[in-house]
Amino acid sequence: MTTPGTAGSVLPALPPAPEVGRRNVLLVGAIFVIAAGTALFGGLLAGYFSARDISRAAGEAWPPDDVILPNVPLFVAYLTLLMSSFTAQWSISAVNGRDRRSMYVAIGLTLVLGLAFVNAMSFSWTAIGVAAESSRFATTMYAVTITHLLVVIAAIVALVVVGFRALGGQFSPEDRELVVAATAFWHFSVAAGLVIWYCIWFLEGGP
């Protein structure tokens, strides 16, 4: 298509303006969510350590003497979560290599490991067997770990969305932003879990 110009000349039509601000929107959003989540867990852990210091200053046992921590199941739970980080990263490598079958396997394994972590934490809470309001330890411990479990569930939902879109053949090395954003959020949930395991379970006598 041409546009008439001066003196009978014609000028080529201008190409359509490219869309602005559409690239990396999901990834930037994921970064903001991760930053907010980091601040959230920082505040929760600060509250946990503050409660621990208050209890120990008052001569109270931390955790209480009637609380028996299931250290081995807890270690296995968080080890399972750590393994899921590798399978989540595998999904990005599969997209880059246009290996759709490997991507399906990577997403499936990540979801299985994530659900296994959820199940293991439910078992661990049952084994601890204390109510949230029974002590400062129980209140702060549940506040941190249940919040983290909700983050893991949110990461599972995000990866389920990625899986359904992958089944529709929507991803490629040039169009992988959703996969990268969901994987970044998954890595955050794993990293937060490892910090929580160290601060709450390992420091209190875990393996």
N, C-alpha and C. Protein backbone atom coordinates (compact mmCIF):
# COMPACT_ATOMS: atom_id res chain seq x y z
N MET A 1 0.85 -1.20 0.00
CA MET A 1 0.00 0.00 0.00
C MET A 1 0.88 1.24 0.00
N THR A 2 0.54 2.26 -0.81
CA THR A 2 1.33 3.48 -0.90
C THR A 2 0.51 4.66 -0.49
N THR A 3 1.22 5.74 -0.16
CA THR A 3 0.58 6.99 0.26
C THR A 3 1.00 8.08 -0.70
N PRO A 4 0.05 8.83 -1.24
CA PRO A 4 0.42 9.88 -2.18
C PRO A 4 1.27 10.94 -1.52
N GLY A 5 2.29 11.43 -2.23
CA GLY A 5 3.17 12.47 -1.72
C GLY A 5 3.08 13.71 -2.59
N THR A 6 4.04 14.55 -2.49
CA THR A 6 4.06 15.80 -3.26
C THR A 6 4.55 15.54 -4.66
N ALA A 7 4.15 16.41 -5.56
CA ALA A 7 4.60 16.39 -6.96
C ALA A 7 4.36 15.04 -7.60
N GLY A 8 3.26 14.42 -7.26
CA GLY A 8 2.88 13.18 -7.92
C GLY A 8 3.65 11.97 -7.46
N SER A 9 4.57 12.14 -6.50
CA SER A 9 5.35 10.99 -6.04
C SER A 9 4.54 10.19 -5.03
N VAL A 10 4.94 8.96 -4.81
CA VAL A 10 4.27 8.11 -3.84
C VAL A 10 5.30 7.68 -2.80
N LEU A 11 4.88 7.54 -1.57
CA LEU A 11 5.74 7.11 -0.47
C LEU A 11 5.21 5.79 0.10
N PRO A 12 6.10 4.90 0.51
CA PRO A 12 5.64 3.63 1.10
C PRO A 12 4.94 3.88 2.43
N ALA A 13 3.91 3.11 2.68
CA ALA A 13 3.18 3.24 3.95
C ALA A 13 4.06 2.80 5.10
N LEU A 14 3.89 3.46 6.24
CA LEU A 14 4.67 3.11 7.41
C LEU A 14 4.21 1.76 7.96
N PRO A 15 5.16 0.93 8.44
CA PRO A 15 4.75 -0.35 9.03
C PRO A 15 4.00 -0.11 10.33
N PRO A 16 3.17 -1.06 10.74
CA PRO A 16 2.44 -0.88 12.00
C PRO A 16 3.40 -0.79 13.16
N ALA A 17 3.05 0.05 14.13
CA ALA A 17 3.92 0.23 15.30
C ALA A 17 3.96 -1.05 16.11
N PRO A 18 5.15 -1.46 16.54
CA PRO A 18 5.24 -2.68 17.34
C PRO A 18 4.58 -2.49 18.70
N GLU A 19 4.07 -3.58 19.25
CA GLU A 19 3.47 -3.52 20.57
C GLU A 19 4.55 -3.23 21.59
N VAL A 20 4.24 -2.31 22.49
CA VAL A 20 5.21 -1.89 23.49
C VAL A 20 4.82 -2.47 24.85
N GLY A 21 5.83 -2.95 25.57
CA GLY A 21 5.60 -3.40 26.94
C GLY A 21 4.95 -4.76 27.06
N ARG A 22 4.98 -5.57 26.00
CA ARG A 22 4.35 -6.87 26.06
C ARG A 22 5.35 -7.98 26.37
N ARG A 23 6.63 -7.76 26.06
CA ARG A 23 7.62 -8.79 26.29
C ARG A 23 8.04 -8.82 27.77
N ASN A 24 8.22 -10.04 28.28
CA ASN A 24 8.70 -10.24 29.65
C ASN A 24 7.75 -9.73 30.72
N VAL A 25 6.48 -9.51 30.36
CA VAL A 25 5.52 -9.06 31.37
C VAL A 25 5.35 -10.11 32.46
N LEU A 26 5.20 -11.36 32.07
CA LEU A 26 5.00 -12.43 33.05
C LEU A 26 6.23 -12.62 33.91
N LEU A 27 7.40 -12.53 33.29
CA LEU A 27 8.64 -12.72 34.05
C LEU A 27 8.85 -11.59 35.06
N VAL A 28 8.58 -10.36 34.64
CA VAL A 28 8.70 -9.23 35.57
C VAL A 28 7.69 -9.38 36.70
N GLY A 29 6.47 -9.80 36.36
CA GLY A 29 5.47 -10.04 37.40
C GLY A 29 5.92 -11.10 38.38
N ALA A 30 6.52 -12.18 37.86
CA ALA A 30 7.01 -13.23 38.74
C ALA A 30 8.10 -12.72 39.67
N ILE A 31 8.96 -11.84 39.15
CA ILE A 31 10.03 -11.27 39.98
C ILE A 31 9.44 -10.44 41.12
N PHE A 32 8.40 -9.65 40.83
CA PHE A 32 7.75 -8.87 41.88
C PHE A 32 7.09 -9.78 42.92
N VAL A 33 6.46 -10.86 42.46
CA VAL A 33 5.84 -11.80 43.39
C VAL A 33 6.90 -12.45 44.27
N ILE A 34 8.02 -12.83 43.68
CA ILE A 34 9.10 -13.45 44.44
C ILE A 34 9.65 -12.47 45.47
N ALA A 35 9.82 -11.21 45.08
CA ALA A 35 10.31 -10.20 46.02
C ALA A 35 9.34 -10.03 47.19
N ALA A 36 8.03 -9.99 46.89
CA ALA A 36 7.04 -9.87 47.95
C ALA A 36 7.05 -11.10 48.84
N GLY A 37 7.20 -12.28 48.24
CA GLY A 37 7.25 -13.50 49.02
C GLY A 37 8.47 -13.57 49.91
N THR A 38 9.59 -13.07 49.40
CA THR A 38 10.81 -13.03 50.22
C THR A 38 10.61 -12.15 51.45
N ALA A 39 9.99 -10.99 51.26
CA ALA A 39 9.70 -10.11 52.39
C ALA A 39 8.74 -10.77 53.36
N LEU A 40 7.74 -11.49 52.83
CA LEU A 40 6.77 -12.17 53.69
C LEU A 40 7.45 -13.21 54.57
N PHE A 41 8.25 -14.06 53.98
CA PHE A 41 8.91 -15.11 54.77
C PHE A 41 9.96 -14.52 55.71
N GLY A 42 10.59 -13.43 55.28
CA GLY A 42 11.52 -12.76 56.19
C GLY A 42 10.82 -12.28 57.44
N GLY A 43 9.62 -11.70 57.27
CA GLY A 43 8.86 -11.24 58.43
C GLY A 43 8.38 -12.38 59.30
N LEU A 44 7.93 -13.48 58.66
CA LEU A 44 7.46 -14.62 59.44
C LEU A 44 8.59 -15.26 60.24
N LEU A 45 9.75 -15.41 59.62
CA LEU A 45 10.88 -16.01 60.33
C LEU A 45 11.39 -15.08 61.44
N ALA A 46 11.33 -13.77 61.19
CA ALA A 46 11.71 -12.83 62.24
C ALA A 46 10.78 -12.97 63.44
N GLY A 47 9.48 -13.15 63.18
CA GLY A 47 8.53 -13.38 64.26
C GLY A 47 8.81 -14.68 64.99
N TYR A 48 9.20 -15.71 64.24
CA TYR A 48 9.52 -17.01 64.85
C TYR A 48 10.72 -16.88 65.79
N PHE A 49 11.79 -16.24 65.33
CA PHE A 49 12.99 -16.12 66.17
C PHE A 49 12.74 -15.19 67.36
N SER A 50 11.91 -14.18 67.16
CA SER A 50 11.56 -13.30 68.27
C SER A 50 10.81 -14.07 69.36
N ALA A 51 9.85 -14.90 68.95
CA ALA A 51 9.11 -15.71 69.91
C ALA A 51 10.02 -16.71 70.61
N ARG A 52 10.98 -17.25 69.87
CA ARG A 52 11.92 -18.20 70.48
C ARG A 52 12.77 -17.50 71.55
N ASP A 53 13.25 -16.30 71.23
CA ASP A 53 14.07 -15.57 72.20
C ASP A 53 13.28 -15.22 73.45
N ILE A 54 12.02 -14.83 73.27
CA ILE A 54 11.18 -14.50 74.42
C ILE A 54 10.95 -15.73 75.29
N SER A 55 10.67 -16.86 74.65
CA SER A 55 10.42 -18.08 75.42
C SER A 55 11.66 -18.53 76.17
N ARG A 56 12.80 -18.49 75.52
CA ARG A 56 14.03 -18.92 76.19
C ARG A 56 14.42 -17.95 77.31
N ALA A 57 14.17 -16.66 77.11
CA ALA A 57 14.45 -15.69 78.18
C ALA A 57 13.56 -15.93 79.39
N ALA A 58 12.37 -16.46 79.15
CA ALA A 58 11.45 -16.77 80.25
C ALA A 58 11.71 -18.15 80.85
N GLY A 59 12.73 -18.85 80.36
CA GLY A 59 13.08 -20.16 80.89
C GLY A 59 12.24 -21.29 80.35
N GLU A 60 11.52 -21.06 79.26
CA GLU A 60 10.67 -22.10 78.66
C GLU A 60 11.48 -22.89 77.63
N ALA A 61 11.14 -24.17 77.51
CA ALA A 61 11.80 -25.01 76.51
C ALA A 61 11.31 -24.65 75.12
N TRP A 62 12.22 -24.70 74.16
CA TRP A 62 11.86 -24.42 72.77
C TRP A 62 12.53 -25.44 71.86
N PRO A 63 11.74 -26.29 71.22
CA PRO A 63 10.29 -26.44 71.33
C PRO A 63 9.90 -27.04 72.68
N PRO A 64 8.63 -26.99 73.03
CA PRO A 64 8.18 -27.53 74.32
C PRO A 64 8.55 -29.00 74.46
N ASP A 65 8.69 -29.44 75.68
CA ASP A 65 9.13 -30.82 75.95
C ASP A 65 8.16 -31.86 75.40
N ASP A 66 6.88 -31.52 75.28
CA ASP A 66 5.91 -32.48 74.79
C ASP A 66 5.85 -32.56 73.26
N VAL A 67 6.69 -31.77 72.58
CA VAL A 67 6.72 -31.78 71.12
C VAL A 67 7.87 -32.65 70.65
N ILE A 68 7.56 -33.67 69.87
CA ILE A 68 8.57 -34.55 69.28
C ILE A 68 8.59 -34.29 67.77
N LEU A 69 9.71 -33.78 67.30
CA LEU A 69 9.79 -33.44 65.88
C LEU A 69 10.09 -34.68 65.04
N PRO A 70 9.30 -34.95 64.01
CA PRO A 70 9.57 -36.08 63.11
C PRO A 70 10.67 -35.70 62.11
N ASN A 71 11.91 -35.71 62.59
CA ASN A 71 13.01 -35.16 61.81
C ASN A 71 13.24 -35.88 60.49
N VAL A 72 13.15 -37.20 60.49
CA VAL A 72 13.41 -37.95 59.26
C VAL A 72 12.34 -37.67 58.21
N PRO A 73 11.03 -37.78 58.52
CA PRO A 73 10.03 -37.41 57.51
C PRO A 73 10.16 -35.97 57.03
N LEU A 74 10.52 -35.06 57.93
CA LEU A 74 10.70 -33.66 57.52
C LEU A 74 11.87 -33.53 56.55
N PHE A 75 12.97 -34.22 56.84
CA PHE A 75 14.13 -34.17 55.95
C PHE A 75 13.78 -34.73 54.58
N VAL A 76 13.07 -35.84 54.55
CA VAL A 76 12.67 -36.44 53.27
C VAL A 76 11.72 -35.50 52.51
N ALA A 77 10.83 -34.83 53.25
CA ALA A 77 9.88 -33.91 52.61
C ALA A 77 10.61 -32.79 51.88
N TYR A 78 11.54 -32.16 52.57
CA TYR A 78 12.23 -31.02 51.95
C TYR A 78 13.26 -31.48 50.92
N LEU A 79 13.80 -32.69 51.07
CA LEU A 79 14.66 -33.24 50.03
C LEU A 79 13.87 -33.49 48.75
N THR A 80 12.65 -33.98 48.91
CA THR A 80 11.76 -34.17 47.76
C THR A 80 11.48 -32.84 47.07
N LEU A 81 11.25 -31.80 47.86
CA LEU A 81 11.01 -30.48 47.28
C LEU A 81 12.24 -29.98 46.53
N LEU A 82 13.43 -30.23 47.08
CA LEU A 82 14.66 -29.83 46.39
C LEU A 82 14.80 -30.55 45.06
N MET A 83 14.48 -31.82 45.01
CA MET A 83 14.55 -32.59 43.76
C MET A 83 13.63 -32.00 42.70
N SER A 84 12.50 -31.48 43.12
CA SER A 84 11.54 -30.93 42.15
C SER A 84 12.09 -29.70 41.45
N SER A 85 13.05 -29.02 42.07
CA SER A 85 13.64 -27.85 41.43
C SER A 85 14.41 -28.25 40.17
N PHE A 86 15.06 -29.42 40.21
CA PHE A 86 15.81 -29.89 39.06
C PHE A 86 14.88 -30.29 37.92
N THR A 87 13.78 -30.96 38.25
CA THR A 87 12.85 -31.36 37.19
C THR A 87 12.13 -30.14 36.60
N ALA A 88 11.88 -29.12 37.44
CA ALA A 88 11.27 -27.89 36.90
C ALA A 88 12.21 -27.22 35.91
N GLN A 89 13.50 -27.17 36.24
CA GLN A 89 14.46 -26.57 35.32
C GLN A 89 14.60 -27.39 34.04
N TRP A 90 14.40 -28.68 34.15
CA TRP A 90 14.44 -29.56 32.98
C TRP A 90 13.39 -29.15 31.96
N SER A 91 12.24 -28.67 32.43
CA SER A 91 11.19 -28.27 31.50
C SER A 91 11.64 -27.12 30.60
N ILE A 92 12.44 -26.20 31.14
CA ILE A 92 12.96 -25.10 30.32
C ILE A 92 13.94 -25.63 29.29
N SER A 93 14.82 -26.53 29.71
CA SER A 93 15.77 -27.13 28.76
C SER A 93 15.04 -27.87 27.65
N ALA A 94 13.93 -28.53 28.00
CA ALA A 94 13.16 -29.25 26.99
C ALA A 94 12.53 -28.29 25.99
N VAL A 95 12.04 -27.14 26.47
CA VAL A 95 11.47 -26.15 25.56
C VAL A 95 12.55 -25.62 24.63
N ASN A 96 13.71 -25.31 25.19
CA ASN A 96 14.80 -24.78 24.36
C ASN A 96 15.22 -25.78 23.28
N GLY A 97 15.16 -27.07 23.61
CA GLY A 97 15.53 -28.09 22.64
C GLY A 97 14.37 -28.58 21.79
N ARG A 98 13.22 -27.96 21.91
CA ARG A 98 12.01 -28.36 21.16
C ARG A 98 11.66 -29.82 21.41
N ASP A 99 11.94 -30.29 22.60
CA ASP A 99 11.66 -31.68 22.97
C ASP A 99 10.37 -31.71 23.79
N ARG A 100 9.27 -31.81 23.10
CA ARG A 100 7.98 -31.70 23.77
C ARG A 100 7.72 -32.88 24.71
N ARG A 101 8.14 -34.06 24.33
CA ARG A 101 7.92 -35.22 25.19
C ARG A 101 8.66 -35.07 26.51
N SER A 102 9.91 -34.61 26.46
CA SER A 102 10.66 -34.40 27.69
C SER A 102 10.02 -33.32 28.55
N MET A 103 9.43 -32.33 27.91
CA MET A 103 8.77 -31.28 28.68
C MET A 103 7.57 -31.84 29.44
N TYR A 104 6.80 -32.71 28.80
CA TYR A 104 5.67 -33.33 29.48
C TYR A 104 6.16 -34.12 30.69
N VAL A 105 7.23 -34.90 30.51
CA VAL A 105 7.77 -35.71 31.60
C VAL A 105 8.28 -34.82 32.73
N ALA A 106 8.99 -33.73 32.38
CA ALA A 106 9.54 -32.83 33.40
C ALA A 106 8.44 -32.18 34.22
N ILE A 107 7.41 -31.69 33.55
CA ILE A 107 6.31 -31.05 34.28
C ILE A 107 5.58 -32.07 35.14
N GLY A 108 5.35 -33.26 34.60
CA GLY A 108 4.66 -34.30 35.36
C GLY A 108 5.43 -34.70 36.61
N LEU A 109 6.75 -34.91 36.48
CA LEU A 109 7.56 -35.28 37.63
C LEU A 109 7.59 -34.17 38.68
N THR A 110 7.66 -32.92 38.21
CA THR A 110 7.67 -31.80 39.15
C THR A 110 6.38 -31.74 39.94
N LEU A 111 5.27 -31.94 39.27
CA LEU A 111 3.98 -31.94 39.97
C LEU A 111 3.88 -33.09 40.96
N VAL A 112 4.36 -34.26 40.58
CA VAL A 112 4.32 -35.41 41.49
C VAL A 112 5.16 -35.14 42.73
N LEU A 113 6.36 -34.59 42.53
CA LEU A 113 7.23 -34.29 43.68
C LEU A 113 6.62 -33.19 44.56
N GLY A 114 5.99 -32.20 43.93
CA GLY A 114 5.35 -31.15 44.71
C GLY A 114 4.21 -31.69 45.55
N LEU A 115 3.39 -32.56 44.96
CA LEU A 115 2.28 -33.15 45.72
C LEU A 115 2.80 -34.08 46.81
N ALA A 116 3.92 -34.75 46.54
CA ALA A 116 4.53 -35.60 47.57
C ALA A 116 4.98 -34.76 48.76
N PHE A 117 5.50 -33.56 48.49
CA PHE A 117 5.89 -32.66 49.58
C PHE A 117 4.67 -32.25 50.40
N VAL A 118 3.58 -31.91 49.73
CA VAL A 118 2.36 -31.54 50.44
C VAL A 118 1.90 -32.68 51.35
N ASN A 119 1.92 -33.89 50.82
CA ASN A 119 1.51 -35.05 51.61
C ASN A 119 2.45 -35.29 52.79
N ALA A 120 3.76 -35.13 52.56
CA ALA A 120 4.73 -35.35 53.63
C ALA A 120 4.58 -34.32 54.74
N MET A 121 4.28 -33.08 54.39
CA MET A 121 4.08 -32.06 55.42
C MET A 121 2.82 -32.34 56.23
N SER A 122 1.77 -32.80 55.57
CA SER A 122 0.55 -33.16 56.30
C SER A 122 0.83 -34.27 57.30
N PHE A 123 1.61 -35.26 56.86
CA PHE A 123 1.99 -36.35 57.77
C PHE A 123 2.82 -35.83 58.93
N SER A 124 3.76 -34.93 58.66
CA SER A 124 4.63 -34.40 59.71
C SER A 124 3.84 -33.61 60.74
N TRP A 125 2.90 -32.79 60.28
CA TRP A 125 2.07 -32.04 61.23
C TRP A 125 1.26 -32.98 62.11
N THR A 126 0.74 -34.05 61.51
CA THR A 126 -0.02 -35.03 62.29
C THR A 126 0.87 -35.69 63.33
N ALA A 127 2.11 -36.00 62.93
CA ALA A 127 3.05 -36.64 63.85
C ALA A 127 3.43 -35.71 64.99
N ILE A 128 3.55 -34.42 64.73
CA ILE A 128 3.85 -33.46 65.81
C ILE A 128 2.70 -33.41 66.80
N GLY A 129 1.48 -33.34 66.29
CA GLY A 129 0.29 -33.50 67.12
C GLY A 129 0.04 -32.42 68.15
N VAL A 130 0.33 -31.16 67.82
CA VAL A 130 0.04 -30.07 68.74
C VAL A 130 -0.86 -29.05 68.04
N ALA A 131 -1.72 -28.41 68.81
CA ALA A 131 -2.60 -27.39 68.26
C ALA A 131 -1.82 -26.09 68.07
N ALA A 132 -2.28 -25.27 67.14
CA ALA A 132 -1.57 -24.04 66.81
C ALA A 132 -1.48 -23.09 67.99
N GLU A 133 -2.50 -23.10 68.86
CA GLU A 133 -2.52 -22.14 69.97
C GLU A 133 -1.93 -22.72 71.26
N SER A 134 -1.33 -23.90 71.18
CA SER A 134 -0.86 -24.56 72.40
C SER A 134 0.41 -23.94 72.96
N SER A 135 1.21 -23.28 72.13
CA SER A 135 2.45 -22.67 72.59
C SER A 135 2.93 -21.66 71.56
N ARG A 136 3.90 -20.84 71.95
CA ARG A 136 4.48 -19.90 70.99
C ARG A 136 5.14 -20.65 69.84
N PHE A 137 5.79 -21.75 70.17
CA PHE A 137 6.45 -22.54 69.12
C PHE A 137 5.44 -23.02 68.09
N ALA A 138 4.35 -23.61 68.57
CA ALA A 138 3.35 -24.15 67.65
C ALA A 138 2.74 -23.05 66.79
N THR A 139 2.42 -21.92 67.40
CA THR A 139 1.79 -20.83 66.66
C THR A 139 2.68 -20.31 65.55
N THR A 140 3.94 -20.03 65.90
CA THR A 140 4.84 -19.46 64.89
C THR A 140 5.28 -20.52 63.87
N MET A 141 5.46 -21.76 64.32
CA MET A 141 5.85 -22.82 63.40
C MET A 141 4.78 -23.05 62.34
N TYR A 142 3.52 -23.14 62.79
CA TYR A 142 2.43 -23.33 61.83
C TYR A 142 2.28 -22.11 60.92
N ALA A 143 2.47 -20.92 61.45
CA ALA A 143 2.34 -19.72 60.62
C ALA A 143 3.33 -19.75 59.46
N VAL A 144 4.56 -20.14 59.75
CA VAL A 144 5.59 -20.17 58.71
C VAL A 144 5.36 -21.32 57.73
N THR A 145 5.17 -22.52 58.26
CA THR A 145 5.12 -23.70 57.39
C THR A 145 3.83 -23.79 56.59
N ILE A 146 2.71 -23.38 57.17
CA ILE A 146 1.45 -23.41 56.40
C ILE A 146 1.49 -22.35 55.30
N THR A 147 2.05 -21.18 55.59
CA THR A 147 2.19 -20.17 54.55
C THR A 147 3.05 -20.69 53.41
N HIS A 148 4.13 -21.38 53.77
CA HIS A 148 4.98 -21.95 52.72
C HIS A 148 4.24 -23.01 51.92
N LEU A 149 3.45 -23.84 52.60
CA LEU A 149 2.70 -24.85 51.88
C LEU A 149 1.74 -24.21 50.87
N LEU A 150 1.11 -23.11 51.25
CA LEU A 150 0.22 -22.41 50.33
C LEU A 150 0.98 -21.88 49.12
N VAL A 151 2.21 -21.42 49.34
CA VAL A 151 3.03 -20.96 48.21
C VAL A 151 3.35 -22.13 47.28
N VAL A 152 3.68 -23.28 47.85
CA VAL A 152 3.95 -24.46 47.02
C VAL A 152 2.70 -24.85 46.22
N ILE A 153 1.54 -24.79 46.85
CA ILE A 153 0.30 -25.11 46.13
C ILE A 153 0.07 -24.13 44.99
N ALA A 154 0.35 -22.83 45.23
CA ALA A 154 0.23 -21.84 44.16
C ALA A 154 1.19 -22.15 43.02
N ALA A 155 2.40 -22.59 43.35
CA ALA A 155 3.36 -22.98 42.31
C ALA A 155 2.88 -24.20 41.54
N ILE A 156 2.23 -25.13 42.24
CA ILE A 156 1.67 -26.30 41.56
C ILE A 156 0.58 -25.88 40.58
N VAL A 157 -0.29 -24.97 41.00
CA VAL A 157 -1.35 -24.49 40.11
C VAL A 157 -0.75 -23.82 38.87
N ALA A 158 0.29 -22.99 39.07
CA ALA A 158 0.93 -22.33 37.94
C ALA A 158 1.51 -23.35 36.98
N LEU A 159 2.11 -24.40 37.52
CA LEU A 159 2.71 -25.42 36.64
C LEU A 159 1.65 -26.26 35.95
N VAL A 160 0.50 -26.45 36.59
CA VAL A 160 -0.61 -27.14 35.92
C VAL A 160 -1.07 -26.34 34.70
N VAL A 161 -1.15 -25.02 34.85
CA VAL A 161 -1.52 -24.17 33.71
C VAL A 161 -0.48 -24.32 32.59
N VAL A 162 0.79 -24.32 32.96
CA VAL A 162 1.85 -24.52 31.96
C VAL A 162 1.68 -25.87 31.27
N GLY A 163 1.36 -26.90 32.05
CA GLY A 163 1.19 -28.23 31.47
C GLY A 163 0.07 -28.29 30.46
N PHE A 164 -1.08 -27.68 30.77
CA PHE A 164 -2.20 -27.70 29.84
C PHE A 164 -1.86 -26.93 28.56
N ARG A 165 -1.17 -25.81 28.71
CA ARG A 165 -0.78 -25.05 27.52
C ARG A 165 0.27 -25.78 26.72
N ALA A 166 1.13 -26.54 27.40
CA ALA A 166 2.12 -27.33 26.67
C ALA A 166 1.45 -28.42 25.85
N LEU A 167 0.39 -29.01 26.41
CA LEU A 167 -0.36 -30.03 25.66
C LEU A 167 -0.98 -29.44 24.40
N GLY A 168 -1.27 -28.13 24.44
CA GLY A 168 -1.81 -27.46 23.27
C GLY A 168 -0.74 -27.01 22.29
N GLY A 169 0.52 -27.32 22.57
CA GLY A 169 1.61 -26.97 21.67
C GLY A 169 1.88 -25.49 21.58
N GLN A 170 1.75 -24.78 22.70
CA GLN A 170 1.86 -23.32 22.66
C GLN A 170 3.26 -22.80 22.96
N PHE A 171 4.22 -23.67 23.30
CA PHE A 171 5.53 -23.18 23.70
C PHE A 171 6.60 -23.54 22.68
N SER A 172 7.60 -22.69 22.61
CA SER A 172 8.74 -22.88 21.71
C SER A 172 9.90 -22.08 22.28
N PRO A 173 11.12 -22.25 21.75
CA PRO A 173 12.24 -21.43 22.26
C PRO A 173 11.99 -19.93 22.13
N GLU A 174 11.15 -19.53 21.19
CA GLU A 174 10.84 -18.11 21.02
C GLU A 174 9.65 -17.68 21.88
N ASP A 175 8.89 -18.61 22.39
CA ASP A 175 7.70 -18.30 23.18
C ASP A 175 7.70 -19.19 24.43
N ARG A 176 8.50 -18.84 25.40
CA ARG A 176 8.67 -19.67 26.60
C ARG A 176 8.53 -18.86 27.88
N GLU A 177 8.01 -17.63 27.78
CA GLU A 177 8.00 -16.74 28.93
C GLU A 177 7.21 -17.31 30.10
N LEU A 178 6.05 -17.90 29.81
CA LEU A 178 5.24 -18.46 30.89
C LEU A 178 5.97 -19.60 31.58
N VAL A 179 6.66 -20.43 30.81
CA VAL A 179 7.41 -21.54 31.40
C VAL A 179 8.50 -21.01 32.32
N VAL A 180 9.23 -20.00 31.86
CA VAL A 180 10.31 -19.43 32.65
C VAL A 180 9.76 -18.79 33.93
N ALA A 181 8.65 -18.04 33.80
CA ALA A 181 8.08 -17.38 34.97
C ALA A 181 7.58 -18.40 35.99
N ALA A 182 6.88 -19.45 35.53
CA ALA A 182 6.38 -20.47 36.45
C ALA A 182 7.53 -21.22 37.11
N THR A 183 8.59 -21.50 36.34
CA THR A 183 9.74 -22.20 36.91
C THR A 183 10.46 -21.33 37.93
N ALA A 184 10.58 -20.04 37.65
CA ALA A 184 11.22 -19.13 38.61
C ALA A 184 10.44 -19.11 39.92
N PHE A 185 9.12 -19.07 39.84
CA PHE A 185 8.30 -19.09 41.06
C PHE A 185 8.46 -20.42 41.79
N TRP A 186 8.58 -21.51 41.02
CA TRP A 186 8.79 -22.82 41.64
C TRP A 186 10.13 -22.84 42.39
N HIS A 187 11.19 -22.32 41.75
CA HIS A 187 12.48 -22.27 42.42
C HIS A 187 12.41 -21.46 43.71
N PHE A 188 11.63 -20.38 43.68
CA PHE A 188 11.46 -19.58 44.89
C PHE A 188 10.81 -20.39 46.00
N SER A 189 9.78 -21.15 45.67
CA SER A 189 9.10 -21.96 46.68
C SER A 189 10.06 -23.01 47.26
N VAL A 190 10.94 -23.54 46.42
CA VAL A 190 11.92 -24.52 46.91
C VAL A 190 12.95 -23.83 47.81
N ALA A 191 13.49 -22.70 47.36
CA ALA A 191 14.48 -21.98 48.16
C ALA A 191 13.91 -21.56 49.51
N ALA A 192 12.67 -21.07 49.51
CA ALA A 192 12.02 -20.70 50.77
C ALA A 192 11.87 -21.91 51.68
N GLY A 193 11.55 -23.05 51.09
CA GLY A 193 11.41 -24.27 51.88
C GLY A 193 12.71 -24.69 52.53
N LEU A 194 13.81 -24.58 51.80
CA LEU A 194 15.10 -24.97 52.36
C LEU A 194 15.50 -24.06 53.52
N VAL A 195 15.22 -22.76 53.37
CA VAL A 195 15.52 -21.82 54.46
C VAL A 195 14.67 -22.15 55.68
N ILE A 196 13.40 -22.46 55.45
CA ILE A 196 12.50 -22.80 56.56
C ILE A 196 12.96 -24.09 57.23
N TRP A 197 13.35 -25.09 56.44
CA TRP A 197 13.82 -26.34 57.03
C TRP A 197 15.03 -26.09 57.93
N TYR A 198 15.95 -25.28 57.47
CA TYR A 198 17.15 -25.00 58.26
C TYR A 198 16.81 -24.22 59.53
N CYS A 199 15.99 -23.19 59.38
CA CYS A 199 15.71 -22.31 60.51
C CYS A 199 14.82 -22.94 61.56
N ILE A 200 13.83 -23.72 61.14
CA ILE A 200 12.84 -24.24 62.09
C ILE A 200 13.13 -25.67 62.50
N TRP A 201 13.51 -26.51 61.55
CA TRP A 201 13.66 -27.94 61.88
C TRP A 201 15.11 -28.30 62.19
N PHE A 202 16.06 -27.88 61.37
CA PHE A 202 17.44 -28.26 61.58
C PHE A 202 18.02 -27.63 62.85
N LEU A 203 17.79 -26.35 63.04
CA LEU A 203 18.32 -25.67 64.22
C LEU A 203 17.71 -26.16 65.52
N GLU A 204 16.55 -26.81 65.41
CA GLU A 204 15.89 -27.33 66.62
C GLU A 204 16.23 -28.80 66.86
N GLY A 205 17.27 -29.30 66.20
CA GLY A 205 17.74 -30.65 66.48
C GLY A 205 17.48 -31.65 65.38
N GLY A 206 17.16 -31.16 64.17
CA GLY A 206 16.91 -32.08 63.06
C GLY A 206 18.20 -32.63 62.49
N PRO A 207 18.08 -33.61 61.58
CA PRO A 207 19.28 -34.22 60.99
C PRO A 207 20.00 -33.24 60.09
